[in-house]
Amino acid sequence: MKIAVEGCAHGELEKIYDLVESIQLREKVKIDLLICCGDFQSTRNLEDLQCMAVPKKHLDICTFYKYYSGEKVAPVLTVFIGGNHEASNYLQELPYGGWVAPNIYYLGYAGVVNINGIRIGGISGIYKGHDYLKGRFEFCPYNESTKRSSYHIRQIDIFRLKQLTPKVDILLSHDWPRGVTNFGNKKQLVRFKPAFKEEIDENKLGSPPCEDLLMTLKPPYWFSAHLHCKFSALIPHDNGTSTKFLALDKCLPKRRFLQVLDIECEDSQLVETKNELCYDLEWLTILHLTNHLISIRGSNGFMPGEGGCERFNFTPTKEEKEAVLQRFQNSLRIPLNFTRIAEPYNPSMQVDFDLVEQPKAFVNPQTTDFCDRLNIDDPLRLAMLMTGHDLNTSNYVDRNAPNDSVSSERNENELLIADDSLSNEEEPEQVEIPFQSRAPLASVLPKPMWRHDSTTTEEASTLDESSLSTSTNRSLLSLPTPNKQQNSNLSDNFTIDGLNLSSPKMLKAISSAGEDVKSLVNTCVEDQQPALAETEDKPPVKKFKRRNQAIYAKEDSD
């Protein structure tokens, strides 16, 4: 299988696809898959552009919108991860991955897919120690702080990937795993990027969590980008295997930003699947089993480990995987269910860019469908519900929807919607799920109503730990109570409505939710400790001038 690997795309899809097609013509080969290692910049319109953490002078709509609008279609199946220059609002709609345009698939915060028997995993974003242990509390509209923290990787994503077994063939990350420079031509790298020398000497260049993941999973291939240079390395492992590491440059003239590789599947019988993108069953099961670990608070939390009283190894059993497979009607093909929920950029319209504002956060139907089928929670939905925000659904009319499919034949045969899987009006057989499960909490308990006259929408989207906190047993719901220690105005204005524990409907919901939710509701009602902490909006201050320091220190915009 021929796979083209791209470094930082930076929105230049037209140029990248033109190069791929010219390689196919010149070499008389067919490229089956394009992989992009971040900074994809899937900006649909000018509103998305406002959600990118880059200096205003560098904001450019580029060419992704043409593939989103249907003006053009990606000529090769494309899979990508997120970097630190992204339309974070759009990618946050797809935390578990999804189609951002026809034939262009995003892996999510972390994800694993299969194509032609090759297993591809990825982790989006970059590492920043001050956000690594936090939950996913951000959503649009962002302030300058959350605009950046939204693309910082979180421990839960690394934790989930470390549960995978057997091996993953290809792993993707935007920033490099720490320490890979020790296994390549370090001198040549320093000549090309002299500013890296200090970090390399102090072993600070790269991501520690990605280094941990590299040494745990030991994949045959690892691809990265971010540092805008080409670098290769061969990392040996103690079990006799090795990882071929390759980092590539950004899409610019005379830069080494793309390379074509031949990667063969060990099971030749699987190669006849015609480039179908499929879910990975083990990954789906891990997502289901670890759903209770999701956090939407802005403070540090920790994953379970040895010595505790709860499960810490979530590598699925055969029975757990079979139960999830039944949820997906025994078919793991990823549905071609891309839907436009925002109006594409129209270059013919004259718009004053200074007057363009960030959009509201929207719930994406792809994510809703996926979460319903797997019985897991959407972090964006949870964060909005727990801060009293309405769940916005798009009213954009997608007039091009019937023409979205890359191939009408594929779309007709492969589009899988859970409700469409039943035929002949037969009742589905009830399947008992043998592993711990629960309905998403957002659907079990009523939505908390927040009233605070002095809290703006932007401030509410960035409330700190106390307003988004989870219980000590990692349950997802926390109902805030008035803080009697704060000023009287706050106590008078901040109330909660809609929680009637004595109603038959509420009692039934609590009873069906399980012991963890019962305990949580009791705690929320009885515990009158302060639950709303004061927060300060302190945008990051640029302290470093050198480019490499900016990458791995405080500032993410370079």
Protein backbone atom coordinates (compact mmCIF):
# COMPACT_ATOMS: atom_id res chain seq x y z
CA MET A 1 0.00 0.00 0.00
CA LYS A 2 1.43 3.37 -1.03
CA ILE A 3 0.99 6.04 1.62
CA ALA A 4 1.94 9.70 1.19
CA VAL A 5 2.97 11.38 4.45
CA GLU A 6 2.67 15.15 4.79
CA GLY A 7 4.20 17.31 7.54
CA CYS A 8 2.37 20.55 8.40
CA ALA A 9 -0.35 21.22 5.84
CA HIS A 10 -1.15 24.79 6.97
CA GLY A 11 -4.31 24.79 4.86
CA GLU A 12 -2.54 24.36 1.51
CA LEU A 13 -4.62 21.40 0.36
CA GLU A 14 -4.68 22.40 -3.30
CA LYS A 15 -0.89 22.42 -3.47
CA ILE A 16 -0.58 19.13 -1.60
CA TYR A 17 -3.13 17.32 -3.76
CA ASP A 18 -1.57 18.76 -6.93
CA LEU A 19 1.79 17.36 -5.84
CA VAL A 20 0.27 13.96 -5.05
CA GLU A 21 -1.33 13.79 -8.49
CA SER A 22 1.87 14.86 -10.23
CA ILE A 23 3.78 12.10 -8.39
CA GLN A 24 1.20 9.55 -9.52
CA LEU A 25 1.54 10.67 -13.14
CA ARG A 26 5.33 10.89 -13.12
CA GLU A 27 5.95 7.61 -11.31
CA LYS A 28 2.93 5.80 -12.81
CA VAL A 29 1.77 4.68 -9.37
CA LYS A 30 -1.44 5.02 -7.37
CA ILE A 31 -1.26 6.57 -3.91
CA ASP A 32 -3.85 4.91 -1.70
CA LEU A 33 -3.77 7.21 1.33
CA LEU A 34 -2.54 10.64 2.38
CA ILE A 35 -1.61 11.17 6.03
CA CYS A 36 -1.23 14.72 7.40
CA CYS A 37 0.57 15.22 10.72
CA GLY A 38 -1.17 18.33 11.98
CA ASP A 39 -1.62 22.06 11.43
CA PHE A 40 -4.23 20.98 8.92
CA GLN A 41 -6.25 24.21 9.27
CA SER A 42 -9.71 22.99 8.37
CA THR A 43 -11.18 26.49 8.26
CA ARG A 44 -14.64 26.46 6.69
CA ASN A 45 -15.22 30.21 6.81
CA LEU A 46 -14.00 33.46 8.36
CA GLU A 47 -15.63 32.65 11.70
CA ASP A 48 -13.49 29.51 11.98
CA LEU A 49 -10.45 31.62 11.19
CA GLN A 50 -11.11 33.65 14.34
CA CYS A 51 -10.68 30.46 16.40
CA MET A 52 -7.09 29.87 15.33
CA ALA A 53 -4.33 30.81 17.75
CA VAL A 54 -2.07 32.65 15.33
CA PRO A 55 -1.12 36.33 14.95
CA LYS A 56 -3.72 38.23 12.96
CA LYS A 57 -1.27 38.98 10.16
CA HIS A 58 -0.91 35.24 9.51
CA LEU A 59 -4.63 34.47 9.32
CA ASP A 60 -5.36 33.09 5.86
CA ILE A 61 -8.44 31.17 4.71
CA CYS A 62 -6.24 29.07 2.36
CA THR A 63 -8.00 26.35 0.34
CA PHE A 64 -9.69 23.85 2.66
CA TYR A 65 -13.04 25.60 2.24
CA LYS A 66 -13.15 24.48 -1.40
CA TYR A 67 -13.18 20.83 -0.31
CA TYR A 68 -15.65 21.54 2.47
CA SER A 69 -18.06 23.37 0.16
CA GLY A 70 -17.96 20.70 -2.56
CA GLU A 71 -16.27 22.94 -5.10
CA LYS A 72 -13.48 20.35 -5.15
CA VAL A 73 -13.20 16.76 -3.92
CA ALA A 74 -10.08 15.33 -2.31
CA PRO A 75 -8.56 13.04 -5.00
CA VAL A 76 -7.11 10.65 -2.41
CA LEU A 77 -8.45 9.41 0.91
CA THR A 78 -6.96 11.69 3.58
CA VAL A 79 -6.50 11.04 7.31
CA PHE A 80 -5.13 13.75 9.61
CA ILE A 81 -4.51 14.71 13.21
CA GLY A 82 -4.73 18.18 14.74
CA GLY A 83 -1.81 20.44 15.56
CA ASN A 84 -1.50 23.83 17.22
CA HIS A 85 -2.68 25.89 14.24
CA GLU A 86 -6.22 24.68 13.80
CA ALA A 87 -9.83 25.81 13.63
CA SER A 88 -10.28 24.40 17.11
CA ASN A 89 -14.03 25.03 17.18
CA TYR A 90 -14.60 22.71 14.22
CA LEU A 91 -12.33 19.94 15.49
CA GLN A 92 -13.92 20.13 18.96
CA GLU A 93 -17.19 19.09 17.35
CA LEU A 94 -15.50 15.78 16.45
CA PRO A 95 -13.68 14.64 19.62
CA TYR A 96 -13.78 11.01 18.51
CA GLY A 97 -13.04 11.78 14.88
CA GLY A 98 -15.17 12.24 11.79
CA TRP A 99 -15.33 13.58 8.26
CA VAL A 100 -14.44 17.28 7.99
CA ALA A 101 -15.10 17.14 4.24
CA PRO A 102 -15.84 14.35 1.76
CA ASN A 103 -12.89 11.92 1.69
CA ILE A 104 -11.04 13.81 4.49
CA TYR A 105 -11.14 12.17 7.92
CA TYR A 106 -10.02 13.59 11.27
CA LEU A 107 -8.81 11.12 13.93
CA GLY A 108 -10.12 13.16 16.86
CA TYR A 109 -8.28 14.02 20.08
CA ALA A 110 -6.92 10.49 19.83
CA GLY A 111 -8.05 7.72 17.53
CA VAL A 112 -7.31 4.47 15.75
CA VAL A 113 -8.62 3.37 12.35
CA ASN A 114 -7.97 0.48 10.00
CA ILE A 115 -7.43 0.57 6.26
CA ASN A 116 -6.49 -2.44 4.16
CA GLY A 117 -5.45 -4.25 7.33
CA ILE A 118 -3.09 -1.46 8.41
CA ARG A 119 -3.76 -0.03 11.86
CA ILE A 120 -3.24 3.75 12.15
CA GLY A 121 -3.38 5.61 15.46
CA GLY A 122 -2.85 9.25 16.27
CA ILE A 123 -2.80 11.89 19.00
CA SER A 124 -3.80 15.47 18.15
CA GLY A 125 -2.39 18.71 19.53
CA ILE A 126 0.85 19.51 21.32
CA TYR A 127 2.11 18.91 24.85
CA LYS A 128 2.00 21.62 27.51
CA GLY A 129 2.62 20.48 31.07
CA HIS A 130 0.28 23.01 32.69
CA ASP A 131 -2.76 21.62 30.81
CA TYR A 132 -1.87 17.94 30.48
CA LEU A 133 -3.73 16.76 33.60
CA LYS A 134 -6.84 18.92 33.05
CA GLY A 135 -10.18 18.01 31.56
CA ARG A 136 -11.74 19.27 28.33
CA PHE A 137 -13.46 22.37 29.69
CA GLU A 138 -13.03 24.70 26.70
CA PHE A 139 -15.58 25.54 24.03
CA CYS A 140 -16.23 28.38 21.62
CA PRO A 141 -16.24 31.37 21.91
CA TYR A 142 -12.71 31.22 23.29
CA ASN A 143 -10.61 33.77 25.10
CA GLU A 144 -6.89 33.99 24.31
CA SER A 145 -6.10 31.35 26.92
CA THR A 146 -8.68 28.72 25.99
CA LYS A 147 -8.00 29.29 22.31
CA ARG A 148 -4.62 27.67 23.01
CA SER A 149 -5.42 25.19 25.77
CA SER A 150 -8.09 23.61 23.54
CA TYR A 151 -5.37 22.01 21.39
CA HIS A 152 -3.14 20.85 24.25
CA ILE A 153 -3.14 17.08 24.65
CA ARG A 154 -4.67 15.55 27.78
CA GLN A 155 -3.59 12.56 29.84
CA ILE A 156 -6.78 10.60 29.15
CA ASP A 157 -5.91 10.37 25.45
CA ILE A 158 -2.42 9.01 26.13
CA PHE A 159 -3.87 6.68 28.79
CA ARG A 160 -6.38 5.29 26.32
CA LEU A 161 -3.79 4.74 23.58
CA LYS A 162 -1.54 2.88 26.02
CA GLN A 163 -4.25 0.24 26.47
CA LEU A 164 -3.87 -0.90 22.86
CA THR A 165 -2.57 -4.35 22.00
CA PRO A 166 -1.33 -5.89 19.76
CA LYS A 167 0.84 -3.46 17.88
CA VAL A 168 -0.32 -0.39 15.98
CA ASP A 169 1.37 -0.20 12.56
CA ILE A 170 1.55 3.61 12.31
CA LEU A 171 1.34 6.25 15.03
CA LEU A 172 0.98 9.97 14.37
CA SER A 173 1.73 12.95 16.58
CA HIS A 174 2.17 16.62 15.79
CA ASP A 175 5.12 17.30 18.07
CA TRP A 176 8.00 14.84 18.26
CA PRO A 177 8.38 12.25 20.99
CA ARG A 178 11.06 13.45 23.37
CA GLY A 179 14.46 11.84 22.86
CA VAL A 180 14.11 10.75 19.21
CA THR A 181 16.96 13.06 18.24
CA ASN A 182 19.34 10.64 19.99
CA PHE A 183 18.65 8.05 17.29
CA GLY A 184 19.18 10.14 14.15
CA ASN A 185 21.64 12.58 12.62
CA LYS A 186 21.65 15.06 15.48
CA LYS A 187 24.55 17.10 14.11
CA GLN A 188 22.81 17.71 10.80
CA LEU A 189 19.62 18.72 12.62
CA VAL A 190 21.50 21.26 14.77
CA ARG A 191 23.20 22.71 11.67
CA PHE A 192 19.79 23.24 10.08
CA LYS A 193 18.09 24.36 13.32
CA PRO A 194 20.80 25.80 15.63
CA ALA A 195 18.19 27.02 18.12
CA PHE A 196 17.36 23.39 18.99
CA LYS A 197 20.79 22.64 20.46
CA GLU A 198 20.07 23.70 24.04
CA GLU A 199 16.81 21.73 24.28
CA ILE A 200 18.43 18.68 22.71
CA ASP A 201 21.36 18.80 25.15
CA GLU A 202 18.95 19.07 28.10
CA ASN A 203 16.58 16.42 26.68
CA LYS A 204 13.73 18.93 26.58
CA LEU A 205 12.99 18.90 22.86
CA GLY A 206 9.78 17.01 22.27
CA SER A 207 6.79 15.58 24.11
CA PRO A 208 7.33 13.39 27.21
CA PRO A 209 3.88 11.71 26.89
CA CYS A 210 4.61 10.81 23.27
CA GLU A 211 7.98 9.38 24.35
CA ASP A 212 6.13 7.23 26.90
CA LEU A 213 3.66 6.11 24.23
CA LEU A 214 6.49 5.31 21.81
CA MET A 215 8.26 3.10 24.32
CA THR A 216 4.99 1.39 25.35
CA LEU A 217 3.47 0.58 21.95
CA LYS A 218 6.73 0.28 19.93
CA PRO A 219 5.05 0.88 16.55
CA PRO A 220 6.95 0.07 13.32
CA TYR A 221 6.36 3.65 12.05
CA TRP A 222 5.91 7.02 13.77
CA PHE A 223 5.28 10.23 11.80
CA SER A 224 5.40 13.81 13.14
CA ALA A 225 5.66 17.44 12.01
CA HIS A 226 5.59 20.72 14.01
CA LEU A 227 9.30 21.70 14.00
CA HIS A 228 9.34 22.53 10.28
CA CYS A 229 12.23 20.35 9.24
CA LYS A 230 12.79 16.84 7.93
CA PHE A 231 14.37 14.39 10.35
CA SER A 232 14.52 10.60 10.42
CA ALA A 233 15.58 8.19 13.16
CA LEU A 234 15.58 4.48 13.94
CA ILE A 235 14.64 3.76 17.55
CA PRO A 236 15.50 0.23 18.79
CA HIS A 237 13.37 -1.49 21.43
CA ASP A 238 14.24 -4.07 24.06
CA ASN A 239 12.06 -6.73 22.40
CA GLY A 240 14.18 -6.71 19.24
CA THR A 241 11.86 -4.52 17.18
CA SER A 242 12.46 -0.93 16.09
CA THR A 243 10.49 2.18 15.15
CA LYS A 244 11.18 4.13 11.99
CA PHE A 245 10.59 7.77 12.90
CA LEU A 246 10.04 10.43 10.24
CA ALA A 247 9.29 14.12 10.72
CA LEU A 248 8.54 16.35 7.74
CA ASP A 249 8.53 20.08 6.98
CA LYS A 250 5.64 22.43 6.26
CA CYS A 251 4.14 22.90 2.80
CA LEU A 252 6.39 25.52 1.21
CA PRO A 253 8.44 25.64 -2.03
CA LYS A 254 11.79 23.81 -1.87
CA ARG A 255 10.94 22.29 1.52
CA ARG A 256 10.81 18.55 2.23
CA PHE A 257 7.21 18.27 3.36
CA LEU A 258 5.96 15.09 1.66
CA GLN A 259 7.24 11.53 1.25
CA VAL A 260 5.67 8.42 -0.28
CA LEU A 261 6.22 5.09 1.49
CA ASP A 262 5.35 1.46 0.71
CA ILE A 263 3.77 -0.15 3.77
CA GLU A 264 2.47 -3.68 3.38
CA CYS A 265 -0.10 -5.44 5.53
CA GLU A 266 1.10 -8.67 7.13
CA ASP A 267 -2.18 -10.40 6.23
CA SER A 268 -2.33 -10.24 2.43
CA GLN A 269 -5.96 -11.44 2.46
CA LEU A 270 -7.02 -8.10 3.94
CA VAL A 271 -5.60 -6.07 1.07
CA GLU A 272 -8.67 -6.72 -1.09
CA THR A 273 -10.86 -4.34 0.92
CA LYS A 274 -10.61 -1.46 -1.59
CA ASN A 275 -9.35 1.28 0.75
CA GLU A 276 -12.30 1.21 3.10
CA LEU A 277 -11.75 3.21 6.27
CA CYS A 278 -12.92 1.18 9.27
CA TYR A 279 -13.20 1.67 13.00
CA ASP A 280 -10.79 -0.27 15.19
CA LEU A 281 -12.76 -2.63 17.43
CA GLU A 282 -10.27 -2.59 20.29
CA TRP A 283 -10.20 1.21 20.26
CA LEU A 284 -14.01 1.45 20.30
CA THR A 285 -14.11 -0.87 23.29
CA ILE A 286 -11.46 1.15 25.14
CA LEU A 287 -13.49 4.33 24.56
CA HIS A 288 -16.55 2.63 26.01
CA LEU A 289 -14.75 1.17 29.01
CA THR A 290 -13.04 4.47 29.92
CA ASN A 291 -15.97 6.79 29.37
CA HIS A 292 -16.29 7.33 33.14
CA LEU A 293 -12.79 8.86 33.17
CA ILE A 294 -13.82 11.84 31.04
CA SER A 295 -13.32 15.15 32.84
CA ILE A 296 -14.67 18.58 31.93
CA ARG A 297 -13.07 20.51 34.77
CA GLY A 298 -10.23 23.00 34.51
CA SER A 299 -8.14 21.51 37.29
CA ASN A 300 -5.78 18.56 37.49
CA GLY A 301 -7.05 15.01 37.70
CA PHE A 302 -5.41 11.61 37.49
CA MET A 303 -5.95 8.30 35.75
CA PRO A 304 -6.37 5.10 37.80
CA GLY A 305 -3.25 3.05 38.51
CA GLU A 306 -1.91 0.10 40.40
CA GLY A 307 -2.62 0.06 44.11
CA GLY A 308 -6.05 1.64 43.83
CA CYS A 309 -9.44 0.06 44.32
CA GLU A 310 -10.70 0.57 40.77
CA ARG A 311 -9.88 -0.95 37.41
CA PHE A 312 -6.75 0.48 35.79
CA ASN A 313 -6.10 -1.94 32.92
CA PHE A 314 -8.65 -1.33 30.17
CA THR A 315 -7.20 -3.58 27.48
CA PRO A 316 -10.49 -5.21 26.42
CA THR A 317 -11.39 -8.84 26.82
CA LYS A 318 -12.80 -10.89 23.95
CA GLU A 319 -16.28 -10.69 25.46
CA GLU A 320 -16.09 -6.89 25.83
CA LYS A 321 -15.07 -6.48 22.20
CA GLU A 322 -17.82 -8.79 20.98
CA ALA A 323 -20.40 -6.77 22.89
CA VAL A 324 -19.25 -3.54 21.25
CA LEU A 325 -19.21 -5.20 17.83
CA GLN A 326 -22.88 -6.08 18.32
CA ARG A 327 -23.60 -2.43 19.05
CA PHE A 328 -22.24 -1.65 15.58
CA GLN A 329 -24.33 -4.35 13.95
CA ASN A 330 -21.19 -6.43 13.25
CA SER A 331 -19.89 -3.86 10.75
CA LEU A 332 -16.96 -1.56 11.47
CA ARG A 333 -16.96 0.40 8.23
CA ILE A 334 -16.95 4.13 9.01
CA PRO A 335 -20.17 5.64 7.62
CA LEU A 336 -19.86 8.31 4.95
CA ASN A 337 -22.06 10.65 6.96
CA PHE A 338 -20.34 14.00 6.43
CA THR A 339 -22.78 16.89 6.79
CA ARG A 340 -22.17 20.60 6.43
CA ILE A 341 -23.44 22.47 9.48
CA ALA A 342 -21.74 25.81 8.73
CA GLU A 343 -21.85 27.99 5.66
CA PRO A 344 -18.67 27.71 3.56
CA TYR A 345 -16.54 30.73 2.80
CA ASN A 346 -17.62 32.64 -0.30
CA PRO A 347 -14.71 34.61 -1.78
CA SER A 348 -17.08 36.73 -3.87
CA MET A 349 -18.69 38.25 -0.78
CA GLN A 350 -17.09 41.40 0.59
CA VAL A 351 -16.77 41.11 4.36
CA ASP A 352 -15.01 43.37 6.84
CA PHE A 353 -12.81 40.83 8.63
CA ASP A 354 -12.46 43.13 11.65
CA LEU A 355 -16.18 42.73 12.29
CA VAL A 356 -16.18 38.92 12.11
CA GLU A 357 -16.67 37.22 15.49
CA GLN A 358 -16.14 33.70 16.74
CA PRO A 359 -19.12 31.38 16.20
CA LYS A 360 -21.08 29.61 18.88
CA ALA A 361 -20.20 26.02 19.73
CA PHE A 362 -22.29 23.49 17.84
CA VAL A 363 -23.09 19.84 18.46
CA ASN A 364 -22.09 17.82 15.38
CA PRO A 365 -24.52 15.09 14.22
CA GLN A 366 -21.60 12.78 13.40
CA THR A 367 -20.50 12.84 17.03
CA THR A 368 -24.05 12.48 18.34
CA ASP A 369 -24.60 9.39 16.20
CA PHE A 370 -21.26 7.86 17.23
CA CYS A 371 -21.82 8.50 20.95
CA ASP A 372 -25.33 7.06 20.82
CA ARG A 373 -24.13 3.89 19.13
CA LEU A 374 -21.23 3.38 21.55
CA ASN A 375 -23.10 4.73 24.61
CA ILE A 376 -20.44 7.26 25.55
CA ASP A 377 -20.43 11.00 26.25
CA ASP A 378 -19.49 13.92 24.02
CA PRO A 379 -17.07 16.10 26.07
CA LEU A 380 -18.22 19.24 24.27
CA ARG A 381 -21.86 18.49 25.01
CA LEU A 382 -21.05 17.82 28.67
CA ALA A 383 -19.06 21.04 29.06
CA MET A 384 -21.90 23.08 27.58
CA LEU A 385 -24.59 21.39 29.67
CA MET A 386 -22.68 21.70 32.92
CA THR A 387 -22.22 25.44 32.41
CA GLY A 388 -25.87 26.03 31.58
CA HIS A 389 -25.36 26.69 27.87
CA ASP A 390 -27.89 25.67 25.27
CA LEU A 391 -26.95 22.79 22.99
CA ASN A 392 -26.76 24.64 19.71
CA THR A 393 -27.73 22.82 16.55
CA SER A 394 -27.03 24.34 13.18
CA ASN A 395 -29.83 25.83 11.13
CA TYR A 396 -27.64 25.98 8.02
CA VAL A 397 -29.34 24.40 5.02
CA ASP A 398 -26.85 22.17 3.21
CA ARG A 399 -28.04 22.53 -0.37
CA ASN A 400 -25.22 20.33 -1.70
CA ALA A 401 -25.89 17.37 0.60
CA PRO A 402 -27.05 14.92 -2.12
CA ASN A 403 -23.78 15.40 -4.02
CA ASP A 404 -21.37 14.95 -1.12
CA SER A 405 -20.29 11.39 -1.73
CA VAL A 406 -16.98 10.74 -3.38
CA SER A 407 -18.56 7.81 -5.18
CA SER A 408 -22.31 7.43 -5.42
CA GLU A 409 -21.90 3.67 -5.52
CA ARG A 410 -19.80 3.65 -2.34
CA ASN A 411 -22.19 6.03 -0.63
CA GLU A 412 -25.17 3.83 -1.46
CA ASN A 413 -23.51 0.62 -0.31
CA GLU A 414 -21.51 1.81 2.66
CA LEU A 415 -23.44 4.56 4.42
CA LEU A 416 -24.29 2.96 7.75
CA ILE A 417 -26.78 4.60 10.04
CA ALA A 418 -27.73 2.70 13.18
CA ASP A 419 -31.46 3.14 12.63
CA ASP A 420 -31.19 1.90 9.03
CA SER A 421 -29.61 -1.37 10.06
CA LEU A 422 -33.01 -2.95 10.82
CA SER A 423 -34.96 -4.49 7.98
CA ASN A 424 -38.35 -6.15 7.41
CA GLU A 425 -39.70 -4.28 10.44
CA GLU A 426 -38.36 -6.97 12.76
CA GLU A 427 -37.69 -6.19 16.40
CA PRO A 428 -33.92 -6.27 17.12
CA GLU A 429 -32.69 -9.02 19.38
CA GLN A 430 -31.91 -7.68 22.83
CA VAL A 431 -28.22 -8.13 23.60
CA GLU A 432 -26.98 -8.09 27.17
CA ILE A 433 -23.75 -6.12 27.51
CA PRO A 434 -21.47 -8.02 29.92
CA PHE A 435 -19.27 -5.09 30.91
CA GLN A 436 -19.96 -2.09 33.11
CA SER A 437 -22.09 0.40 31.26
CA ARG A 438 -24.42 3.26 31.86
CA ALA A 439 -26.43 5.76 29.88
CA PRO A 440 -24.64 9.07 29.27
CA LEU A 441 -25.26 11.24 32.32
CA ALA A 442 -26.32 14.19 30.17
CA SER A 443 -29.39 12.16 29.18
CA VAL A 444 -30.13 10.80 32.67
CA LEU A 445 -30.32 13.92 34.80
CA PRO A 446 -32.00 17.26 34.03
CA LYS A 447 -29.90 20.10 32.73
CA PRO A 448 -28.73 22.50 35.46
CA MET A 449 -29.93 26.06 34.99
CA TRP A 450 -27.30 28.72 35.67
CA ARG A 451 -28.29 32.26 36.54
CA HIS A 452 -25.63 34.80 37.11
CA ASP A 453 -26.40 38.26 35.83
CA SER A 454 -22.78 39.37 35.87
CA THR A 455 -21.37 36.31 34.04
CA THR A 456 -20.81 36.80 30.33
CA THR A 457 -20.86 33.99 27.79
CA GLU A 458 -17.07 34.13 27.47
CA GLU A 459 -16.56 34.01 31.23
CA ALA A 460 -18.97 31.11 31.60
CA SER A 461 -17.05 29.13 28.98
CA THR A 462 -13.86 29.41 31.02
CA LEU A 463 -15.10 28.81 34.56
CA ASP A 464 -12.46 27.09 36.61
CA GLU A 465 -12.30 23.86 38.51
CA SER A 466 -15.13 24.33 40.98
CA SER A 467 -17.82 25.11 38.42
CA LEU A 468 -16.84 22.15 36.22
CA SER A 469 -15.60 19.77 38.88
CA THR A 470 -16.36 16.07 38.87
CA SER A 471 -16.87 13.94 41.93
CA THR A 472 -14.04 12.08 43.55
CA ASN A 473 -15.18 8.83 41.94
CA ARG A 474 -14.80 10.46 38.50
CA SER A 475 -18.50 10.70 37.79
CA LEU A 476 -19.23 13.23 35.08
CA LEU A 477 -21.86 15.36 36.75
CA SER A 478 -21.37 18.09 39.33
CA LEU A 479 -24.28 20.29 40.29
CA PRO A 480 -22.98 23.59 41.70
CA THR A 481 -24.33 25.00 44.95
CA PRO A 482 -24.33 28.61 46.14
CA ASN A 483 -21.07 29.78 47.64
CA LYS A 484 -21.98 31.34 50.98
CA GLN A 485 -18.46 32.62 51.52
CA GLN A 486 -18.60 34.90 48.49
CA ASN A 487 -20.27 38.28 48.35
CA SER A 488 -24.02 38.51 48.84
CA ASN A 489 -24.68 39.63 45.26
CA LEU A 490 -23.22 36.40 43.93
CA SER A 491 -25.18 34.31 46.43
CA ASP A 492 -28.41 36.08 45.53
CA ASN A 493 -28.03 35.71 41.77
CA PHE A 494 -26.56 32.21 41.47
CA THR A 495 -29.27 29.52 41.70
CA ILE A 496 -30.13 26.14 40.23
CA ASP A 497 -33.53 25.20 38.83
CA GLY A 498 -34.99 22.02 37.39
CA LEU A 499 -33.93 19.46 40.02
CA ASN A 500 -36.98 17.82 41.61
CA LEU A 501 -35.76 14.63 43.28
CA SER A 502 -39.25 13.69 44.46
CA SER A 503 -40.84 13.51 41.02
CA PRO A 504 -41.61 9.98 39.72
CA LYS A 505 -39.68 10.66 36.49
CA MET A 506 -36.62 11.80 38.41
CA LEU A 507 -36.73 8.85 40.82
CA LYS A 508 -36.97 6.45 37.90
CA ALA A 509 -34.02 8.11 36.13
CA ILE A 510 -31.87 7.93 39.26
CA SER A 511 -32.84 4.33 39.90
CA SER A 512 -31.91 3.24 36.36
CA ALA A 513 -28.65 5.19 36.37
CA GLY A 514 -26.81 3.01 38.86
CA GLU A 515 -25.19 3.38 42.26
CA ASP A 516 -22.57 5.91 41.13
CA VAL A 517 -25.22 8.40 40.02
CA LYS A 518 -27.37 7.79 43.11
CA SER A 519 -24.43 8.57 45.34
CA LEU A 520 -23.61 11.62 43.27
CA VAL A 521 -27.11 13.07 43.46
CA ASN A 522 -27.17 12.59 47.23
CA THR A 523 -23.83 14.34 47.50
CA CYS A 524 -25.03 17.25 45.38
CA VAL A 525 -28.13 17.74 47.51
CA GLU A 526 -26.55 17.30 50.96
CA ASP A 527 -23.14 18.87 50.50
CA GLN A 528 -23.37 22.61 50.98
CA GLN A 529 -19.67 23.35 50.60
CA PRO A 530 -18.71 26.20 48.26
CA ALA A 531 -18.65 25.09 44.64
CA LEU A 532 -17.90 28.20 42.65
CA ALA A 533 -14.32 29.44 42.63
CA GLU A 534 -13.14 32.83 41.63
CA THR A 535 -11.27 32.89 38.35
CA GLU A 536 -8.95 35.35 36.74
CA ASP A 537 -8.58 35.75 33.01
CA LYS A 538 -4.84 36.02 32.50
CA PRO A 539 -3.86 35.70 28.84
CA PRO A 540 -0.40 34.18 28.39
CA VAL A 541 2.42 36.71 28.21
CA LYS A 542 5.03 36.19 25.52
CA LYS A 543 8.37 35.86 27.30
CA PHE A 544 10.57 34.09 24.78
CA LYS A 545 11.96 35.26 21.50
CA ARG A 546 13.65 32.16 20.16
CA ARG A 547 11.40 30.02 18.00
CA ASN A 548 12.13 26.68 19.64
CA GLN A 549 11.53 28.09 23.09
CA ALA A 550 8.17 29.37 21.92
CA ILE A 551 7.21 25.90 20.73
CA TYR A 552 7.85 24.07 23.99
CA ALA A 553 7.45 26.83 26.59
CA LYS A 554 4.53 29.23 27.14
CA GLU A 555 3.58 30.49 23.70
CA ASP A 556 1.88 28.31 21.09
CA SER A 557 1.29 30.72 18.26
CA ASP A 558 4.62 30.44 16.44
